[in-house]
């Protein structure tokens, strides 16, 4: 199941594109493997209206970016930050 979810998100382009009028752009680079992700967000009144990413990298990095976007769209900025904090805590511990 894990492999199917990763493959579906990696092969799908539904979250891999530019968005109109982003209010925030975040770039991430992993120098050890060469993955590069650029995340675009459009926030309005404390809610993430739209999000998408562009970039290059392995299937895991591409799928992870897509899954993250599915999780944060429509959420408040505070909810999205809480999810990010939880994720970072999981990978560091």
N, C-alpha and C. Protein backbone atom coordinates (compact mmCIF):
# COMPACT_ATOMS: atom_id res chain seq x y z
N UNK A 1 0.83 -1.19 0.00
CA UNK A 1 0.00 0.00 0.00
C UNK A 1 0.88 1.26 0.00
N UNK A 2 1.93 1.25 0.82
CA UNK A 2 2.85 2.39 0.89
C UNK A 2 3.43 2.69 -0.49
N UNK A 3 3.87 1.65 -1.18
CA UNK A 3 4.45 1.82 -2.51
C UNK A 3 3.43 2.37 -3.50
N UNK A 4 2.18 1.90 -3.41
CA UNK A 4 1.13 2.38 -4.30
C UNK A 4 0.86 3.87 -4.10
N UNK A 5 0.81 4.29 -2.84
CA UNK A 5 0.55 5.70 -2.54
C UNK A 5 1.69 6.57 -3.06
N UNK A 6 2.93 6.14 -2.80
CA UNK A 6 4.08 6.90 -3.30
C UNK A 6 4.09 6.96 -4.82
N UNK A 7 3.85 5.85 -5.46
CA UNK A 7 3.84 5.82 -6.93
C UNK A 7 2.76 6.71 -7.51
N UNK A 8 1.57 6.65 -6.91
CA UNK A 8 0.46 7.47 -7.40
C UNK A 8 0.79 8.96 -7.29
N UNK A 9 1.33 9.37 -6.15
CA UNK A 9 1.66 10.79 -5.97
C UNK A 9 2.86 11.19 -6.83
N UNK A 10 3.83 10.32 -6.97
CA UNK A 10 5.01 10.64 -7.78
C UNK A 10 4.63 10.80 -9.25
N UNK A 11 3.75 9.96 -9.74
CA UNK A 11 3.38 9.99 -11.15
C UNK A 11 2.31 11.03 -11.47
N UNK A 12 1.57 11.46 -10.47
CA UNK A 12 0.50 12.44 -10.67
C UNK A 12 1.07 13.85 -10.76
N UNK A 13 0.47 14.66 -11.59
CA UNK A 13 0.90 16.06 -11.72
C UNK A 13 -0.11 17.01 -11.08
N UNK A 14 -1.07 16.47 -10.31
CA UNK A 14 -2.12 17.33 -9.77
C UNK A 14 -1.61 18.41 -8.83
N UNK A 15 -0.50 18.16 -8.13
CA UNK A 15 0.06 19.17 -7.23
C UNK A 15 1.39 19.72 -7.72
N UNK A 16 1.86 19.24 -8.86
CA UNK A 16 3.16 19.67 -9.39
C UNK A 16 2.94 20.66 -10.54
N UNK A 17 2.92 21.93 -10.16
CA UNK A 17 2.72 23.02 -11.12
C UNK A 17 2.90 24.33 -10.38
N UNK A 18 2.86 25.42 -11.07
CA UNK A 18 2.87 26.74 -10.43
C UNK A 18 1.42 27.15 -10.15
N UNK A 19 1.23 27.97 -9.13
CA UNK A 19 -0.11 28.50 -8.85
C UNK A 19 -0.13 29.98 -9.20
N UNK A 20 -1.33 30.48 -9.43
CA UNK A 20 -1.50 31.91 -9.70
C UNK A 20 -1.37 32.70 -8.41
N UNK A 21 -0.61 33.75 -8.46
CA UNK A 21 -0.48 34.72 -7.38
C UNK A 21 -0.15 34.11 -6.01
N UNK A 22 0.97 33.38 -5.91
CA UNK A 22 1.33 32.85 -4.59
C UNK A 22 1.68 33.99 -3.63
N UNK A 23 1.34 33.81 -2.38
CA UNK A 23 1.70 34.80 -1.36
C UNK A 23 3.00 34.41 -0.66
N UNK A 24 3.44 33.16 -0.87
CA UNK A 24 4.67 32.69 -0.27
C UNK A 24 5.30 31.63 -1.16
N UNK A 25 6.61 31.70 -1.28
CA UNK A 25 7.37 30.69 -2.01
C UNK A 25 8.51 30.24 -1.12
N UNK A 26 8.64 28.93 -0.96
CA UNK A 26 9.69 28.35 -0.12
C UNK A 26 10.51 27.38 -0.95
N UNK A 27 11.83 27.51 -0.85
CA UNK A 27 12.71 26.61 -1.60
C UNK A 27 13.44 25.70 -0.64
N UNK A 28 13.57 24.46 -1.03
CA UNK A 28 14.32 23.49 -0.24
C UNK A 28 15.25 22.69 -1.12
N UNK A 29 16.47 22.50 -0.65
CA UNK A 29 17.47 21.73 -1.38
C UNK A 29 18.12 20.76 -0.41
N UNK A 30 18.25 19.52 -0.85
CA UNK A 30 18.99 18.53 -0.08
C UNK A 30 20.32 18.33 -0.78
N UNK A 31 21.39 18.93 -0.26
CA UNK A 31 22.69 18.85 -0.95
C UNK A 31 23.27 17.44 -1.00
N UNK A 32 22.84 16.56 -0.10
CA UNK A 32 23.40 15.21 -0.11
C UNK A 32 22.88 14.34 -1.25
N UNK A 33 21.69 14.66 -1.75
CA UNK A 33 21.14 13.83 -2.83
C UNK A 33 20.73 14.63 -4.07
N UNK A 34 20.65 15.96 -3.94
CA UNK A 34 20.32 16.79 -5.09
C UNK A 34 18.84 17.10 -5.27
N UNK A 35 17.99 16.62 -4.36
CA UNK A 35 16.56 16.95 -4.46
C UNK A 35 16.37 18.45 -4.29
N UNK A 36 15.50 19.03 -5.12
CA UNK A 36 15.16 20.45 -5.04
C UNK A 36 13.65 20.59 -5.17
N UNK A 37 13.05 21.27 -4.21
CA UNK A 37 11.61 21.49 -4.21
C UNK A 37 11.34 22.97 -4.01
N UNK A 38 10.42 23.51 -4.77
CA UNK A 38 9.95 24.88 -4.56
C UNK A 38 8.45 24.80 -4.30
N UNK A 39 8.06 25.22 -3.11
CA UNK A 39 6.67 25.18 -2.68
C UNK A 39 6.06 26.56 -2.82
N UNK A 40 4.91 26.64 -3.45
CA UNK A 40 4.18 27.90 -3.59
C UNK A 40 2.87 27.77 -2.83
N UNK A 41 2.59 28.79 -2.01
CA UNK A 41 1.35 28.82 -1.24
C UNK A 41 0.60 30.10 -1.52
N UNK A 42 -0.70 30.02 -1.51
CA UNK A 42 -1.53 31.22 -1.55
C UNK A 42 -2.42 31.18 -0.31
N UNK A 43 -2.17 32.15 0.57
CA UNK A 43 -2.89 32.24 1.83
C UNK A 43 -3.82 33.45 1.79
N UNK A 44 -5.00 33.29 2.35
CA UNK A 44 -5.93 34.40 2.48
C UNK A 44 -6.67 34.25 3.80
N UNK A 45 -6.65 35.30 4.58
CA UNK A 45 -7.33 35.32 5.87
C UNK A 45 -6.93 34.15 6.76
N UNK A 46 -5.63 33.82 6.74
CA UNK A 46 -5.12 32.77 7.62
C UNK A 46 -5.39 31.36 7.16
N UNK A 47 -5.87 31.19 5.92
CA UNK A 47 -6.17 29.86 5.38
C UNK A 47 -5.38 29.64 4.10
N UNK A 48 -4.83 28.46 3.93
CA UNK A 48 -4.10 28.12 2.72
C UNK A 48 -5.12 27.77 1.64
N UNK A 49 -5.32 28.72 0.72
CA UNK A 49 -6.30 28.55 -0.37
C UNK A 49 -5.81 27.57 -1.42
N UNK A 50 -4.52 27.68 -1.76
CA UNK A 50 -3.97 26.84 -2.81
C UNK A 50 -2.50 26.61 -2.52
N UNK A 51 -1.99 25.52 -3.04
CA UNK A 51 -0.58 25.17 -2.88
C UNK A 51 -0.18 24.25 -4.02
N UNK A 52 1.08 24.33 -4.40
CA UNK A 52 1.63 23.46 -5.42
C UNK A 52 3.14 23.47 -5.29
N UNK A 53 3.80 22.58 -6.00
CA UNK A 53 5.26 22.54 -5.96
C UNK A 53 5.82 22.29 -7.34
N UNK A 54 7.07 22.64 -7.50
CA UNK A 54 7.85 22.28 -8.67
C UNK A 54 9.20 21.81 -8.16
N UNK A 55 9.94 21.14 -9.00
CA UNK A 55 11.27 20.72 -8.60
C UNK A 55 11.63 19.36 -9.15
N UNK A 56 12.80 18.92 -8.72
CA UNK A 56 13.32 17.63 -9.16
C UNK A 56 13.75 16.83 -7.95
N UNK A 57 13.76 15.54 -8.11
CA UNK A 57 14.22 14.69 -7.02
C UNK A 57 13.69 13.28 -7.16
N UNK A 58 13.99 12.49 -6.16
CA UNK A 58 13.57 11.09 -6.17
C UNK A 58 12.06 10.98 -5.99
N UNK A 59 11.57 9.78 -6.19
CA UNK A 59 10.13 9.54 -6.07
C UNK A 59 9.62 9.86 -4.67
N UNK A 60 10.40 9.59 -3.65
CA UNK A 60 9.96 9.85 -2.28
C UNK A 60 9.81 11.35 -2.04
N UNK A 61 10.77 12.15 -2.50
CA UNK A 61 10.67 13.60 -2.27
C UNK A 61 9.51 14.20 -3.05
N UNK A 62 9.30 13.75 -4.28
CA UNK A 62 8.21 14.26 -5.09
C UNK A 62 6.85 13.86 -4.51
N UNK A 63 6.73 12.60 -4.10
CA UNK A 63 5.48 12.12 -3.51
C UNK A 63 5.22 12.80 -2.17
N UNK A 64 6.26 13.00 -1.37
CA UNK A 64 6.10 13.65 -0.07
C UNK A 64 5.58 15.07 -0.22
N UNK A 65 6.11 15.80 -1.19
CA UNK A 65 5.63 17.16 -1.43
C UNK A 65 4.16 17.15 -1.83
N UNK A 66 3.78 16.23 -2.69
CA UNK A 66 2.39 16.13 -3.14
C UNK A 66 1.46 15.77 -1.99
N UNK A 67 1.86 14.81 -1.17
CA UNK A 67 1.04 14.39 -0.03
C UNK A 67 0.88 15.55 0.95
N UNK A 68 1.98 16.27 1.21
CA UNK A 68 1.92 17.41 2.12
C UNK A 68 0.91 18.44 1.62
N UNK A 69 0.92 18.70 0.33
CA UNK A 69 -0.01 19.69 -0.23
C UNK A 69 -1.46 19.23 -0.04
N UNK A 70 -1.73 17.95 -0.26
CA UNK A 70 -3.08 17.44 -0.01
C UNK A 70 -3.50 17.66 1.44
N UNK A 71 -2.56 17.54 2.35
CA UNK A 71 -2.86 17.69 3.77
C UNK A 71 -3.09 19.14 4.21
N UNK A 72 -2.42 20.10 3.55
CA UNK A 72 -2.50 21.49 4.04
C UNK A 72 -3.50 22.36 3.31
N UNK A 73 -3.90 21.99 2.10
CA UNK A 73 -4.88 22.81 1.37
C UNK A 73 -6.17 22.92 2.16
N UNK A 74 -6.63 24.16 2.32
CA UNK A 74 -7.86 24.41 3.04
C UNK A 74 -7.70 24.51 4.55
N UNK A 75 -6.50 24.23 5.03
CA UNK A 75 -6.25 24.31 6.47
C UNK A 75 -5.77 25.71 6.84
N UNK A 76 -5.92 26.05 8.11
CA UNK A 76 -5.37 27.32 8.58
C UNK A 76 -3.85 27.23 8.58
N UNK A 77 -3.23 28.37 8.53
CA UNK A 77 -1.77 28.41 8.58
C UNK A 77 -1.28 27.75 9.86
N UNK A 78 -1.97 27.98 10.96
CA UNK A 78 -1.57 27.39 12.24
C UNK A 78 -1.68 25.86 12.21
N UNK A 79 -2.73 25.34 11.58
CA UNK A 79 -2.87 23.88 11.46
C UNK A 79 -1.74 23.31 10.61
N UNK A 80 -1.40 23.99 9.53
CA UNK A 80 -0.32 23.53 8.66
C UNK A 80 1.02 23.54 9.40
N UNK A 81 1.27 24.57 10.18
CA UNK A 81 2.51 24.64 10.95
C UNK A 81 2.56 23.53 12.00
N UNK A 82 1.42 23.21 12.59
CA UNK A 82 1.37 22.13 13.57
C UNK A 82 1.69 20.79 12.91
N UNK A 83 1.16 20.56 11.70
CA UNK A 83 1.48 19.34 10.96
C UNK A 83 2.97 19.27 10.64
N UNK A 84 3.55 20.40 10.23
CA UNK A 84 4.98 20.44 9.92
C UNK A 84 5.80 20.12 11.15
N UNK A 85 5.43 20.69 12.28
CA UNK A 85 6.15 20.45 13.53
C UNK A 85 6.06 18.97 13.92
N UNK A 86 4.90 18.38 13.77
CA UNK A 86 4.71 16.96 14.07
C UNK A 86 5.60 16.10 13.18
N UNK A 87 5.62 16.41 11.89
CA UNK A 87 6.42 15.65 10.93
C UNK A 87 7.90 15.75 11.28
N UNK A 88 8.38 16.96 11.52
CA UNK A 88 9.80 17.15 11.84
C UNK A 88 10.16 16.40 13.12
N UNK A 89 9.27 16.43 14.10
CA UNK A 89 9.49 15.67 15.32
C UNK A 89 9.59 14.17 15.07
N UNK A 90 8.77 13.68 14.16
CA UNK A 90 8.79 12.25 13.84
C UNK A 90 10.09 11.83 13.17
N UNK A 91 10.57 12.64 12.24
CA UNK A 91 11.78 12.22 11.51
C UNK A 91 13.06 12.44 12.32
N UNK A 92 13.00 13.34 13.28
CA UNK A 92 14.19 13.58 14.12
C UNK A 92 14.27 12.63 15.30
N UNK A 93 13.17 12.06 15.70
CA UNK A 93 13.17 11.15 16.84
C UNK A 93 13.02 9.76 16.33
